[in-house]
Amino acid sequence: MIQEKIQKILAKYGYGSRRYIETLIKLKLVQVNNKIVNIGQRISLKTIKKVIIDQQKYLFKVNQSKYSKVLLYNKCEGELCTYKDPRNRKTVFEKLPYLNNSKWISVGRLDINSSGLLLFTTDGMLAHRLMHPSFNIRKIYKVRVFGNFTSDIIEKLSHGVYLSDGYASFQSVQFQYGYGKNKWFNVSLCEGRNRIVRRVWEKLGFKVSKLIRISYADFALPKTLFPGNWIELSQNDVNTLYIKVNLK
């Protein structure tokens, strides 16, 4: 009987990202068949009947992820990319459609002051790979910055600046419009370090006053999708995402 690590199974079948599941396991908040599980514990898929994750009870269904769902959501400024907030601030998950016996997994994050495109899926493995730097998934941001520009700024942005956690650069930097010290740019990159776009600009002395993600994995934010709203991707679009990260 084939056995797999419990965190891998739960992530694969849509109960959260592997990192999220592992965090809850360490906190003793995950039970399988009424028994608390441990990190790395292996179990047979066929033996799982009931799962309790952070006090939420689920009847485990092996076929629940046969057709994975993916949402494209337009995040508002002021929303948090977290399931729960101790200060009761708004979260992105509050506006997503209800799932029976599964949950939405955020593909990456946007900080509270940023807005724009977020992807959500029911497949933990798909989310993991779309966020992993080895798959070079491109993201594009529209950025409004304030500061004094010189002729070498774009070159510095493209060649990289040194941050506390290593070098960072943009794959492309395109001036859009603007006058005086306020200017809009489109920048692209494939990594997802925390606040990376803001930190690169700030390293060169600029203040980011607006940050909007307009594309993720070549899926653009529709102009007709207003903040706080979502659309579900077609099965063909979902298949495209799977192909990008070498999943069947």
C-alpha atoms as a PDB file:
ATOM      1  CA  MET A   1       0.000   0.000   0.000  1.00  0.00           C
ATOM      2  CA  ILE A   2       1.583   3.283  -1.163  1.00  0.00           C
ATOM      3  CA  GLN A   3       2.052   5.898   1.541  1.00  0.00           C
ATOM      4  CA  GLU A   4       2.758   9.622   1.167  1.00  0.00           C
ATOM      5  CA  LYS A   5       3.585  12.446   3.547  1.00  0.00           C
ATOM      6  CA  ILE A   6       0.412  13.801   5.064  1.00  0.00           C
ATOM      7  CA  GLN A   7       1.198  17.453   4.274  1.00  0.00           C
ATOM      8  CA  LYS A   8       1.709  16.560   0.603  1.00  0.00           C
ATOM      9  CA  ILE A   9      -1.618  14.725   0.422  1.00  0.00           C
ATOM     10  CA  LEU A  10      -3.598  17.526   2.084  1.00  0.00           C
ATOM     11  CA  ALA A  11      -1.995  20.194  -0.129  1.00  0.00           C
ATOM     12  CA  LYS A  12      -2.609  18.123  -3.261  1.00  0.00           C
ATOM     13  CA  TYR A  13      -6.308  17.787  -2.491  1.00  0.00           C
ATOM     14  CA  GLY A  14      -6.914  21.454  -1.825  1.00  0.00           C
ATOM     15  CA  TYR A  15      -6.792  21.898   1.955  1.00  0.00           C
ATOM     16  CA  GLY A  16      -4.161  24.641   1.759  1.00  0.00           C
ATOM     17  CA  SER A  17      -0.621  25.209   0.556  1.00  0.00           C
ATOM     18  CA  ARG A  18       2.011  22.792   1.830  1.00  0.00           C
ATOM     19  CA  ARG A  19       3.614  25.562   3.904  1.00  0.00           C
ATOM     20  CA  TYR A  20       0.237  26.393   5.462  1.00  0.00           C
ATOM     21  CA  ILE A  21      -0.467  22.741   6.268  1.00  0.00           C
ATOM     22  CA  GLU A  22       3.003  22.216   7.750  1.00  0.00           C
ATOM     23  CA  THR A  23       2.576  25.272   9.985  1.00  0.00           C
ATOM     24  CA  LEU A  24      -0.714  23.922  11.355  1.00  0.00           C
ATOM     25  CA  ILE A  25       0.762  20.443  11.865  1.00  0.00           C
ATOM     26  CA  LYS A  26       3.549  21.945  13.981  1.00  0.00           C
ATOM     27  CA  LEU A  27       0.858  23.680  16.055  1.00  0.00           C
ATOM     28  CA  LYS A  28      -0.949  20.322  16.520  1.00  0.00           C
ATOM     29  CA  LEU A  29      -3.969  21.664  14.626  1.00  0.00           C
ATOM     30  CA  VAL A  30      -4.271  18.862  12.064  1.00  0.00           C
ATOM     31  CA  GLN A  31      -6.026  15.558  12.738  1.00  0.00           C
ATOM     32  CA  VAL A  32      -6.595  12.635  10.404  1.00  0.00           C
ATOM     33  CA  ASN A  33      -9.174  10.060  11.461  1.00  0.00           C
ATOM     34  CA  ASN A  34      -9.344  11.778  14.886  1.00  0.00           C
ATOM     35  CA  LYS A  35      -5.573  11.476  15.504  1.00  0.00           C
ATOM     36  CA  ILE A  36      -3.114  14.394  15.601  1.00  0.00           C
ATOM     37  CA  VAL A  37      -0.495  13.991  12.858  1.00  0.00           C
ATOM     38  CA  ASN A  38       3.178  14.946  12.763  1.00  0.00           C
ATOM     39  CA  ILE A  39       5.389  16.567  10.106  1.00  0.00           C
ATOM     40  CA  GLY A  40       6.636  13.963   7.646  1.00  0.00           C
ATOM     41  CA  GLN A  41       4.209  11.301   8.829  1.00  0.00           C
ATOM     42  CA  ARG A  42       3.284   8.968   5.970  1.00  0.00           C
ATOM     43  CA  ILE A  43      -0.177   7.603   5.399  1.00  0.00           C
ATOM     44  CA  SER A  44      -2.088   5.706   2.748  1.00  0.00           C
ATOM     45  CA  LEU A  45      -4.566   7.775   0.782  1.00  0.00           C
ATOM     46  CA  LYS A  46      -7.191   5.027   0.987  1.00  0.00           C
ATOM     47  CA  THR A  47      -7.209   5.026   4.794  1.00  0.00           C
ATOM     48  CA  ILE A  48      -8.129   8.721   5.184  1.00  0.00           C
ATOM     49  CA  LYS A  49     -11.789   9.168   6.091  1.00  0.00           C
ATOM     50  CA  LYS A  50     -11.974  12.410   8.060  1.00  0.00           C
ATOM     51  CA  VAL A  51      -9.723  15.454   8.354  1.00  0.00           C
ATOM     52  CA  ILE A  52      -9.801  18.240  10.936  1.00  0.00           C
ATOM     53  CA  ILE A  53      -7.750  21.313  10.034  1.00  0.00           C
ATOM     54  CA  ASP A  54      -7.693  24.237  12.441  1.00  0.00           C
ATOM     55  CA  GLN A  55     -10.954  23.038  14.036  1.00  0.00           C
ATOM     56  CA  GLN A  56     -12.717  22.722  10.672  1.00  0.00           C
ATOM     57  CA  LYS A  57     -14.031  19.221   9.915  1.00  0.00           C
ATOM     58  CA  TYR A  58     -13.984  17.648   6.445  1.00  0.00           C
ATOM     59  CA  LEU A  59     -15.021  14.292   5.056  1.00  0.00           C
ATOM     60  CA  PHE A  60     -12.066  13.375   2.875  1.00  0.00           C
ATOM     61  CA  LYS A  61     -12.881  12.727  -0.799  1.00  0.00           C
ATOM     62  CA  VAL A  62     -10.131  11.423  -3.061  1.00  0.00           C
ATOM     63  CA  ASN A  63     -11.798  12.654  -6.245  1.00  0.00           C
ATOM     64  CA  GLN A  64     -12.518  16.192  -5.056  1.00  0.00           C
ATOM     65  CA  SER A  65      -9.599  17.696  -7.010  1.00  0.00           C
ATOM     66  CA  LYS A  66     -10.355  15.880 -10.279  1.00  0.00           C
ATOM     67  CA  TYR A  67     -11.295  19.225 -11.772  1.00  0.00           C
ATOM     68  CA  SER A  68      -9.178  21.922 -10.184  1.00  0.00           C
ATOM     69  CA  LYS A  69     -10.603  25.410  -9.995  1.00  0.00           C
ATOM     70  CA  VAL A  70      -8.683  28.650 -10.481  1.00  0.00           C
ATOM     71  CA  LEU A  71      -9.998  32.135  -9.757  1.00  0.00           C
ATOM     72  CA  LEU A  72      -8.616  35.443 -10.943  1.00  0.00           C
ATOM     73  CA  TYR A  73      -9.372  38.119  -8.337  1.00  0.00           C
ATOM     74  CA  ASN A  74      -8.856  41.882  -8.413  1.00  0.00           C
ATOM     75  CA  LYS A  75      -7.593  42.751  -4.922  1.00  0.00           C
ATOM     76  CA  CYS A  76      -8.527  46.041  -3.296  1.00  0.00           C
ATOM     77  CA  GLU A  77      -6.100  48.165  -1.321  1.00  0.00           C
ATOM     78  CA  GLY A  78      -6.612  47.569   2.385  1.00  0.00           C
ATOM     79  CA  GLU A  79      -7.327  43.829   2.076  1.00  0.00           C
ATOM     80  CA  LEU A  80      -5.053  41.230   3.668  1.00  0.00           C
ATOM     81  CA  CYS A  81      -3.941  38.006   1.981  1.00  0.00           C
ATOM     82  CA  THR A  82      -4.681  35.840   5.002  1.00  0.00           C
ATOM     83  CA  TYR A  83      -7.521  33.588   6.168  1.00  0.00           C
ATOM     84  CA  LYS A  84      -7.950  35.273   9.526  1.00  0.00           C
ATOM     85  CA  ASP A  85      -6.853  38.577  11.002  1.00  0.00           C
ATOM     86  CA  PRO A  86      -6.777  39.094  14.805  1.00  0.00           C
ATOM     87  CA  ARG A  87      -7.685  42.759  14.256  1.00  0.00           C
ATOM     88  CA  ASN A  88     -10.712  41.816  12.108  1.00  0.00           C
ATOM     89  CA  ARG A  89      -9.451  43.669   9.045  1.00  0.00           C
ATOM     90  CA  LYS A  90     -10.815  42.731   5.615  1.00  0.00           C
ATOM     91  CA  THR A  91      -9.241  39.720   3.888  1.00  0.00           C
ATOM     92  CA  VAL A  92      -9.286  38.625   0.267  1.00  0.00           C
ATOM     93  CA  PHE A  93     -10.901  35.310   1.205  1.00  0.00           C
ATOM     94  CA  GLU A  94     -14.104  36.952   2.427  1.00  0.00           C
ATOM     95  CA  LYS A  95     -15.212  37.729  -1.140  1.00  0.00           C
ATOM     96  CA  LEU A  96     -14.411  34.358  -2.734  1.00  0.00           C
ATOM     97  CA  PRO A  97     -17.143  31.798  -3.514  1.00  0.00           C
ATOM     98  CA  TYR A  98     -17.874  29.092  -0.952  1.00  0.00           C
ATOM     99  CA  LEU A  99     -16.212  25.698  -1.414  1.00  0.00           C
ATOM    100  CA  ASN A 100     -17.634  22.489  -0.025  1.00  0.00           C
ATOM    101  CA  ASN A 101     -15.005  20.309   1.643  1.00  0.00           C
ATOM    102  CA  SER A 102     -12.056  22.263   0.273  1.00  0.00           C
ATOM    103  CA  LYS A 103     -10.526  25.738   0.452  1.00  0.00           C
ATOM    104  CA  TRP A 104      -9.023  28.401  -1.765  1.00  0.00           C
ATOM    105  CA  ILE A 105      -5.244  28.657  -1.827  1.00  0.00           C
ATOM    106  CA  SER A 106      -3.649  31.981  -2.672  1.00  0.00           C
ATOM    107  CA  VAL A 107      -0.953  31.879  -5.368  1.00  0.00           C
ATOM    108  CA  GLY A 108       1.434  34.377  -3.811  1.00  0.00           C
ATOM    109  CA  ARG A 109       0.455  37.520  -1.967  1.00  0.00           C
ATOM    110  CA  LEU A 110       0.085  41.254  -2.295  1.00  0.00           C
ATOM    111  CA  ASP A 111       0.719  43.502   0.692  1.00  0.00           C
ATOM    112  CA  ILE A 112      -2.098  45.475   2.279  1.00  0.00           C
ATOM    113  CA  ASN A 113      -1.296  48.662   0.355  1.00  0.00           C
ATOM    114  CA  SER A 114      -1.073  46.933  -3.046  1.00  0.00           C
ATOM    115  CA  SER A 115      -3.873  45.942  -5.385  1.00  0.00           C
ATOM    116  CA  GLY A 116      -4.493  44.006  -8.553  1.00  0.00           C
ATOM    117  CA  LEU A 117      -4.353  40.452  -9.813  1.00  0.00           C
ATOM    118  CA  LEU A 118      -4.339  37.484  -7.448  1.00  0.00           C
ATOM    119  CA  LEU A 119      -4.800  33.851  -8.465  1.00  0.00           C
ATOM    120  CA  PHE A 120      -6.533  31.328  -6.205  1.00  0.00           C
ATOM    121  CA  THR A 121      -6.737  27.583  -6.769  1.00  0.00           C
ATOM    122  CA  THR A 122      -8.029  24.438  -5.093  1.00  0.00           C
ATOM    123  CA  ASP A 123      -4.852  22.529  -6.021  1.00  0.00           C
ATOM    124  CA  GLY A 124      -2.037  22.958  -3.518  1.00  0.00           C
ATOM    125  CA  MET A 125       0.607  21.520  -5.849  1.00  0.00           C
ATOM    126  CA  LEU A 126      -0.352  23.915  -8.638  1.00  0.00           C
ATOM    127  CA  ALA A 127      -0.132  26.862  -6.220  1.00  0.00           C
ATOM    128  CA  HIS A 128       3.253  25.680  -4.941  1.00  0.00           C
ATOM    129  CA  ARG A 129       4.755  25.425  -8.418  1.00  0.00           C
ATOM    130  CA  LEU A 130       3.324  28.712  -9.640  1.00  0.00           C
ATOM    131  CA  MET A 131       5.114  30.402  -6.722  1.00  0.00           C
ATOM    132  CA  HIS A 132       8.390  28.452  -6.953  1.00  0.00           C
ATOM    133  CA  PRO A 133      11.235  30.479  -8.523  1.00  0.00           C
ATOM    134  CA  SER A 134      12.511  27.486 -10.522  1.00  0.00           C
ATOM    135  CA  PHE A 135       9.513  27.759 -12.890  1.00  0.00           C
ATOM    136  CA  ASN A 136      10.216  31.418 -13.764  1.00  0.00           C
ATOM    137  CA  ILE A 137       6.604  32.536 -13.636  1.00  0.00           C
ATOM    138  CA  ARG A 138       6.500  36.164 -14.770  1.00  0.00           C
ATOM    139  CA  LYS A 139       4.613  38.894 -12.923  1.00  0.00           C
ATOM    140  CA  ILE A 140       4.008  42.416 -14.225  1.00  0.00           C
ATOM    141  CA  TYR A 141       3.286  45.422 -12.021  1.00  0.00           C
ATOM    142  CA  LYS A 142       2.116  48.939 -12.745  1.00  0.00           C
ATOM    143  CA  VAL A 143       3.981  51.255 -10.371  1.00  0.00           C
ATOM    144  CA  ARG A 144       3.687  54.948  -9.575  1.00  0.00           C
ATOM    145  CA  VAL A 145       6.887  56.298  -8.067  1.00  0.00           C
ATOM    146  CA  PHE A 146       7.982  59.668  -6.708  1.00  0.00           C
ATOM    147  CA  GLY A 147      11.553  60.895  -6.909  1.00  0.00           C
ATOM    148  CA  ASN A 148      14.316  62.516  -8.938  1.00  0.00           C
ATOM    149  CA  PHE A 149      15.117  60.596 -12.124  1.00  0.00           C
ATOM    150  CA  THR A 150      18.482  60.473 -13.806  1.00  0.00           C
ATOM    151  CA  SER A 151      19.509  58.811 -17.058  1.00  0.00           C
ATOM    152  CA  ASP A 152      21.020  55.785 -15.313  1.00  0.00           C
ATOM    153  CA  ILE A 153      18.001  54.830 -13.169  1.00  0.00           C
ATOM    154  CA  ILE A 154      16.460  52.332 -15.611  1.00  0.00           C
ATOM    155  CA  GLU A 155      19.860  50.734 -16.150  1.00  0.00           C
ATOM    156  CA  LYS A 156      20.272  50.268 -12.392  1.00  0.00           C
ATOM    157  CA  LEU A 157      16.794  48.774 -12.102  1.00  0.00           C
ATOM    158  CA  SER A 158      17.553  46.289 -14.875  1.00  0.00           C
ATOM    159  CA  HIS A 159      21.050  45.326 -13.744  1.00  0.00           C
ATOM    160  CA  GLY A 160      20.075  44.947 -10.095  1.00  0.00           C
ATOM    161  CA  VAL A 161      20.519  46.490  -6.682  1.00  0.00           C
ATOM    162  CA  TYR A 162      21.744  44.883  -3.506  1.00  0.00           C
ATOM    163  CA  LEU A 163      19.147  44.313  -0.785  1.00  0.00           C
ATOM    164  CA  SER A 164      19.444  42.777   2.666  1.00  0.00           C
ATOM    165  CA  ASP A 165      18.545  39.348   1.240  1.00  0.00           C
ATOM    166  CA  GLY A 166      20.621  39.528  -1.946  1.00  0.00           C
ATOM    167  CA  TYR A 167      20.536  41.115  -5.386  1.00  0.00           C
ATOM    168  CA  ALA A 168      17.258  41.924  -7.093  1.00  0.00           C
ATOM    169  CA  SER A 169      16.414  43.332 -10.497  1.00  0.00           C
ATOM    170  CA  PHE A 170      13.556  43.732 -12.938  1.00  0.00           C
ATOM    171  CA  GLN A 171      13.423  41.771 -16.175  1.00  0.00           C
ATOM    172  CA  SER A 172      11.948  44.788 -17.925  1.00  0.00           C
ATOM    173  CA  VAL A 173      11.284  48.413 -17.051  1.00  0.00           C
ATOM    174  CA  GLN A 174       8.963  50.453 -19.285  1.00  0.00           C
ATOM    175  CA  PHE A 175       8.104  54.101 -18.732  1.00  0.00           C
ATOM    176  CA  GLN A 176       4.360  54.688 -19.210  1.00  0.00           C
ATOM    177  CA  TYR A 177       3.570  58.329 -18.487  1.00  0.00           C
ATOM    178  CA  GLY A 178       3.936  61.068 -15.905  1.00  0.00           C
ATOM    179  CA  TYR A 179       5.253  64.560 -15.339  1.00  0.00           C
ATOM    180  CA  GLY A 180       7.547  66.083 -12.751  1.00  0.00           C
ATOM    181  CA  LYS A 181       8.582  63.729  -9.974  1.00  0.00           C
ATOM    182  CA  ASN A 182       5.529  61.431 -10.253  1.00  0.00           C
ATOM    183  CA  LYS A 183       5.870  58.798 -12.952  1.00  0.00           C
ATOM    184  CA  TRP A 184       4.226  55.497 -13.887  1.00  0.00           C
ATOM    185  CA  PHE A 185       6.238  52.437 -14.952  1.00  0.00           C
ATOM    186  CA  ASN A 186       5.499  48.832 -15.849  1.00  0.00           C
ATOM    187  CA  VAL A 187       8.042  46.418 -14.395  1.00  0.00           C
ATOM    188  CA  SER A 188       8.285  42.638 -14.660  1.00  0.00           C
ATOM    189  CA  LEU A 189      10.106  39.983 -12.654  1.00  0.00           C
ATOM    190  CA  CYS A 190       9.900  36.265 -11.897  1.00  0.00           C
ATOM    191  CA  GLU A 191      10.640  36.168  -8.186  1.00  0.00           C
ATOM    192  CA  GLY A 192       8.330  36.685  -5.262  1.00  0.00           C
ATOM    193  CA  ARG A 193      10.338  37.887  -2.282  1.00  0.00           C
ATOM    194  CA  ASN A 194       8.375  39.933   0.232  1.00  0.00           C
ATOM    195  CA  ARG A 195       7.694  43.517  -0.998  1.00  0.00           C
ATOM    196  CA  ILE A 196      10.398  43.055  -3.639  1.00  0.00           C
ATOM    197  CA  VAL A 197       9.082  45.661  -6.102  1.00  0.00           C
ATOM    198  CA  ARG A 198       8.780  48.366  -3.464  1.00  0.00           C
ATOM    199  CA  ARG A 199      12.181  47.518  -1.960  1.00  0.00           C
ATOM    200  CA  VAL A 200      14.035  47.780  -5.270  1.00  0.00           C
ATOM    201  CA  TRP A 201      12.624  51.244  -5.967  1.00  0.00           C
ATOM    202  CA  GLU A 202      13.176  52.388  -2.380  1.00  0.00           C
ATOM    203  CA  LYS A 203      16.808  51.260  -2.540  1.00  0.00           C
ATOM    204  CA  LEU A 204      17.345  53.861  -5.275  1.00  0.00           C
ATOM    205  CA  GLY A 205      15.647  56.596  -3.264  1.00  0.00           C
ATOM    206  CA  PHE A 206      12.143  56.483  -4.745  1.00  0.00           C
ATOM    207  CA  LYS A 207       8.827  56.266  -2.944  1.00  0.00           C
ATOM    208  CA  VAL A 208       6.230  53.859  -4.356  1.00  0.00           C
ATOM    209  CA  SER A 209       2.840  55.539  -3.998  1.00  0.00           C
ATOM    210  CA  LYS A 210       0.834  53.003  -6.019  1.00  0.00           C
ATOM    211  CA  LEU A 211       1.455  49.343  -6.859  1.00  0.00           C
ATOM    212  CA  ILE A 212      -0.906  47.277  -9.018  1.00  0.00           C
ATOM    213  CA  ARG A 213      -0.216  43.762 -10.261  1.00  0.00           C
ATOM    214  CA  ILE A 214      -1.565  43.583 -13.806  1.00  0.00           C
ATOM    215  CA  SER A 215      -0.352  40.141 -14.929  1.00  0.00           C
ATOM    216  CA  TYR A 216       0.604  36.763 -13.448  1.00  0.00           C
ATOM    217  CA  ALA A 217       1.762  33.767 -15.508  1.00  0.00           C
ATOM    218  CA  ASP A 218       0.770  35.677 -18.679  1.00  0.00           C
ATOM    219  CA  PHE A 219      -2.822  36.105 -17.477  1.00  0.00           C
ATOM    220  CA  ALA A 220      -3.681  39.799 -17.591  1.00  0.00           C
ATOM    221  CA  LEU A 221      -6.005  41.620 -15.217  1.00  0.00           C
ATOM    222  CA  PRO A 222      -9.186  42.254 -17.267  1.00  0.00           C
ATOM    223  CA  LYS A 223     -10.101  45.933 -17.551  1.00  0.00           C
ATOM    224  CA  THR A 224     -13.738  45.005 -16.902  1.00  0.00           C
ATOM    225  CA  LEU A 225     -12.952  43.227 -13.616  1.00  0.00           C
ATOM    226  CA  PHE A 226     -13.481  45.844 -10.930  1.00  0.00           C
ATOM    227  CA  PRO A 227     -11.694  45.719  -7.535  1.00  0.00           C
ATOM    228  CA  GLY A 228     -13.265  43.208  -5.157  1.00  0.00           C
ATOM    229  CA  ASN A 229     -14.563  40.979  -7.943  1.00  0.00           C
ATOM    230  CA  TRP A 230     -13.414  37.643  -9.378  1.00  0.00           C
ATOM    231  CA  ILE A 231     -13.822  35.425 -12.420  1.00  0.00           C
ATOM    232  CA  GLU A 232     -13.268  31.680 -12.730  1.00  0.00           C
ATOM    233  CA  LEU A 233     -10.793  30.577 -15.393  1.00  0.00           C
ATOM    234  CA  SER A 234     -12.000  28.193 -18.079  1.00  0.00           C
ATOM    235  CA  GLN A 235     -10.749  24.611 -18.094  1.00  0.00           C
ATOM    236  CA  ASN A 236      -8.514  25.447 -21.078  1.00  0.00           C
ATOM    237  CA  ASP A 237      -6.914  28.303 -19.128  1.00  0.00           C
ATOM    238  CA  VAL A 238      -6.442  26.039 -16.100  1.00  0.00           C
ATOM    239  CA  ASN A 239      -4.781  23.456 -18.336  1.00  0.00           C
ATOM    240  CA  THR A 240      -2.446  26.184 -19.606  1.00  0.00           C
ATOM    241  CA  LEU A 241      -1.299  26.863 -16.042  1.00  0.00           C
ATOM    242  CA  TYR A 242      -0.637  23.159 -15.488  1.00  0.00           C
ATOM    243  CA  ILE A 243       1.472  22.985 -18.627  1.00  0.00           C
ATOM    244  CA  LYS A 244       3.535  26.009 -17.502  1.00  0.00           C
ATOM    245  CA  VAL A 245       4.611  24.167 -14.335  1.00  0.00           C
ATOM    246  CA  ASN A 246       4.940  20.659 -15.821  1.00  0.00           C
ATOM    247  CA  LEU A 247       1.905  19.166 -14.107  1.00  0.00           C
ATOM    248  CA  LYS A 248      -0.558  16.807 -15.738  1.00  0.00           C
END
